[in-house]
Amino acid sequence: MQGLYAVYDIVSLLTSALIMLIIIQFVIGLLFAFNVVSPSNQFLMSFYNSINSLLDPVLRPIRNIMPATGAIDFSPLVLIITLQIILIILGAVIKSV
């Protein structure tokens, strides 16, 4: 039983880290979009590209399934909601065992 709680804690930690990366990507993207920070800032641009390269394999299948909504990308929101649903289901399954 303790092993299941450990697995849940690990999945929860990884989910939290992924959600934080999604939020950081969103904020940096907004900073670039509204010219608060110049895209010529090499440090921030390389950081943003690194986060994009980490998240793109996860977000691309969601983007392929979702209809085009113009300039707004809802795939990060869908990913966050899906991860939260998985955590809730996993927690319920562990508590029922």
C-alpha atoms as a PDB file:
ATOM      1  CA  MET A   1       0.000   0.000   0.000  1.00  0.00           C
ATOM      2  CA  GLN A   2       2.847   2.385   0.794  1.00  0.00           C
ATOM      3  CA  GLY A   3       4.237   1.723  -2.666  1.00  0.00           C
ATOM      4  CA  LEU A   4       1.055   3.028  -4.260  1.00  0.00           C
ATOM      5  CA  TYR A   5       1.252   6.220  -2.229  1.00  0.00           C
ATOM      6  CA  ALA A   6       4.864   6.642  -3.322  1.00  0.00           C
ATOM      7  CA  VAL A   7       3.866   6.221  -6.979  1.00  0.00           C
ATOM      8  CA  TYR A   8       1.073   8.761  -6.498  1.00  0.00           C
ATOM      9  CA  ASP A   9       3.482  11.235  -4.902  1.00  0.00           C
ATOM     10  CA  ILE A  10       5.959  10.838  -7.768  1.00  0.00           C
ATOM     11  CA  VAL A  11       3.242  11.296 -10.408  1.00  0.00           C
ATOM     12  CA  SER A  12       1.921  14.310  -8.502  1.00  0.00           C
ATOM     13  CA  LEU A  13       5.387  15.874  -8.353  1.00  0.00           C
ATOM     14  CA  LEU A  14       6.001  15.338 -12.071  1.00  0.00           C
ATOM     15  CA  THR A  15       2.565  16.738 -12.882  1.00  0.00           C
ATOM     16  CA  SER A  16       3.237  19.837 -10.800  1.00  0.00           C
ATOM     17  CA  ALA A  17       6.580  20.371 -12.532  1.00  0.00           C
ATOM     18  CA  LEU A  18       4.959  20.018 -15.953  1.00  0.00           C
ATOM     19  CA  ILE A  19       2.209  22.471 -15.041  1.00  0.00           C
ATOM     20  CA  MET A  20       4.781  24.989 -13.828  1.00  0.00           C
ATOM     21  CA  LEU A  21       6.663  24.681 -17.135  1.00  0.00           C
ATOM     22  CA  ILE A  22       3.411  25.294 -19.030  1.00  0.00           C
ATOM     23  CA  ILE A  23       2.708  28.412 -16.965  1.00  0.00           C
ATOM     24  CA  ILE A  24       6.265  29.711 -17.446  1.00  0.00           C
ATOM     25  CA  GLN A  25       5.993  29.135 -21.196  1.00  0.00           C
ATOM     26  CA  PHE A  26       2.689  31.014 -21.249  1.00  0.00           C
ATOM     27  CA  VAL A  27       4.042  33.993 -19.299  1.00  0.00           C
ATOM     28  CA  ILE A  28       7.193  34.303 -21.389  1.00  0.00           C
ATOM     29  CA  GLY A  29       5.098  34.043 -24.551  1.00  0.00           C
ATOM     30  CA  LEU A  30       2.898  36.883 -23.298  1.00  0.00           C
ATOM     31  CA  LEU A  31       5.950  38.989 -22.494  1.00  0.00           C
ATOM     32  CA  PHE A  32       7.202  38.508 -26.044  1.00  0.00           C
ATOM     33  CA  ALA A  33       3.768  39.072 -27.608  1.00  0.00           C
ATOM     34  CA  PHE A  34       3.174  42.389 -25.870  1.00  0.00           C
ATOM     35  CA  ASN A  35       6.776  43.589 -26.341  1.00  0.00           C
ATOM     36  CA  VAL A  36       7.442  43.804 -22.628  1.00  0.00           C
ATOM     37  CA  VAL A  37      10.615  41.843 -23.312  1.00  0.00           C
ATOM     38  CA  SER A  38      12.358  41.990 -26.646  1.00  0.00           C
ATOM     39  CA  PRO A  39      12.702  38.688 -28.522  1.00  0.00           C
ATOM     40  CA  SER A  40      16.322  39.707 -29.121  1.00  0.00           C
ATOM     41  CA  ASN A  41      17.018  38.955 -25.430  1.00  0.00           C
ATOM     42  CA  GLN A  42      19.179  35.876 -26.000  1.00  0.00           C
ATOM     43  CA  PHE A  43      18.873  34.412 -22.500  1.00  0.00           C
ATOM     44  CA  LEU A  44      15.095  34.555 -22.335  1.00  0.00           C
ATOM     45  CA  MET A  45      14.703  33.397 -25.926  1.00  0.00           C
ATOM     46  CA  SER A  46      16.936  30.361 -25.364  1.00  0.00           C
ATOM     47  CA  PHE A  47      15.055  29.565 -22.141  1.00  0.00           C
ATOM     48  CA  TYR A  48      11.736  29.876 -23.992  1.00  0.00           C
ATOM     49  CA  ASN A  49      12.981  27.653 -26.833  1.00  0.00           C
ATOM     50  CA  SER A  50      14.171  25.046 -24.317  1.00  0.00           C
ATOM     51  CA  ILE A  51      10.762  24.932 -22.649  1.00  0.00           C
ATOM     52  CA  ASN A  52       9.084  24.727 -26.056  1.00  0.00           C
ATOM     53  CA  SER A  53      11.290  21.809 -27.077  1.00  0.00           C
ATOM     54  CA  LEU A  54      10.327  19.994 -23.854  1.00  0.00           C
ATOM     55  CA  LEU A  55       6.598  20.665 -24.112  1.00  0.00           C
ATOM     56  CA  ASP A  56       6.095  20.422 -27.882  1.00  0.00           C
ATOM     57  CA  PRO A  57       6.052  16.579 -28.021  1.00  0.00           C
ATOM     58  CA  VAL A  58       3.319  16.577 -25.372  1.00  0.00           C
ATOM     59  CA  LEU A  59       1.290  19.468 -26.790  1.00  0.00           C
ATOM     60  CA  ARG A  60       1.527  18.571 -30.508  1.00  0.00           C
ATOM     61  CA  PRO A  61      -0.929  15.619 -30.375  1.00  0.00           C
ATOM     62  CA  ILE A  62      -3.426  17.795 -28.514  1.00  0.00           C
ATOM     63  CA  ARG A  63      -3.021  20.561 -31.106  1.00  0.00           C
ATOM     64  CA  ASN A  64      -3.623  18.033 -33.889  1.00  0.00           C
ATOM     65  CA  ILE A  65      -6.895  16.872 -32.328  1.00  0.00           C
ATOM     66  CA  MET A  66      -8.270  20.286 -31.407  1.00  0.00           C
ATOM     67  CA  PRO A  67      -9.872  22.546 -34.007  1.00  0.00           C
ATOM     68  CA  ALA A  68      -8.002  25.700 -35.018  1.00  0.00           C
ATOM     69  CA  THR A  69      -9.064  28.633 -32.838  1.00  0.00           C
ATOM     70  CA  GLY A  70      -6.976  31.339 -34.444  1.00  0.00           C
ATOM     71  CA  ALA A  71      -4.338  33.073 -32.370  1.00  0.00           C
ATOM     72  CA  ILE A  72      -5.336  31.432 -29.076  1.00  0.00           C
ATOM     73  CA  ASP A  73      -3.785  28.053 -28.295  1.00  0.00           C
ATOM     74  CA  PHE A  74      -5.917  26.079 -25.849  1.00  0.00           C
ATOM     75  CA  SER A  75      -3.735  22.951 -25.871  1.00  0.00           C
ATOM     76  CA  PRO A  76      -1.832  23.900 -22.657  1.00  0.00           C
ATOM     77  CA  LEU A  77      -5.145  24.346 -20.848  1.00  0.00           C
ATOM     78  CA  VAL A  78      -6.374  20.977 -22.125  1.00  0.00           C
ATOM     79  CA  LEU A  79      -3.131  19.355 -20.955  1.00  0.00           C
ATOM     80  CA  ILE A  80      -3.389  20.884 -17.479  1.00  0.00           C
ATOM     81  CA  ILE A  81      -7.010  19.753 -17.096  1.00  0.00           C
ATOM     82  CA  THR A  82      -6.152  16.259 -18.365  1.00  0.00           C
ATOM     83  CA  LEU A  83      -3.248  15.950 -15.917  1.00  0.00           C
ATOM     84  CA  GLN A  84      -5.477  17.040 -13.038  1.00  0.00           C
ATOM     85  CA  ILE A  85      -8.145  14.500 -14.038  1.00  0.00           C
ATOM     86  CA  ILE A  86      -5.520  11.748 -14.148  1.00  0.00           C
ATOM     87  CA  LEU A  87      -4.321  12.725 -10.661  1.00  0.00           C
ATOM     88  CA  ILE A  88      -7.870  12.663  -9.298  1.00  0.00           C
ATOM     89  CA  ILE A  89      -8.575   9.249 -10.816  1.00  0.00           C
ATOM     90  CA  LEU A  90      -5.240   7.846  -9.627  1.00  0.00           C
ATOM     91  CA  GLY A  91      -5.879   9.162  -6.109  1.00  0.00           C
ATOM     92  CA  ALA A  92      -9.354   7.628  -6.044  1.00  0.00           C
ATOM     93  CA  VAL A  93      -8.052   4.273  -7.232  1.00  0.00           C
ATOM     94  CA  ILE A  94      -5.320   4.262  -4.580  1.00  0.00           C
ATOM     95  CA  LYS A  95      -7.775   5.157  -1.802  1.00  0.00           C
ATOM     96  CA  SER A  96     -10.150   2.405  -2.861  1.00  0.00           C
ATOM     97  CA  VAL A  97      -7.437  -0.276  -2.668  1.00  0.00           C
END
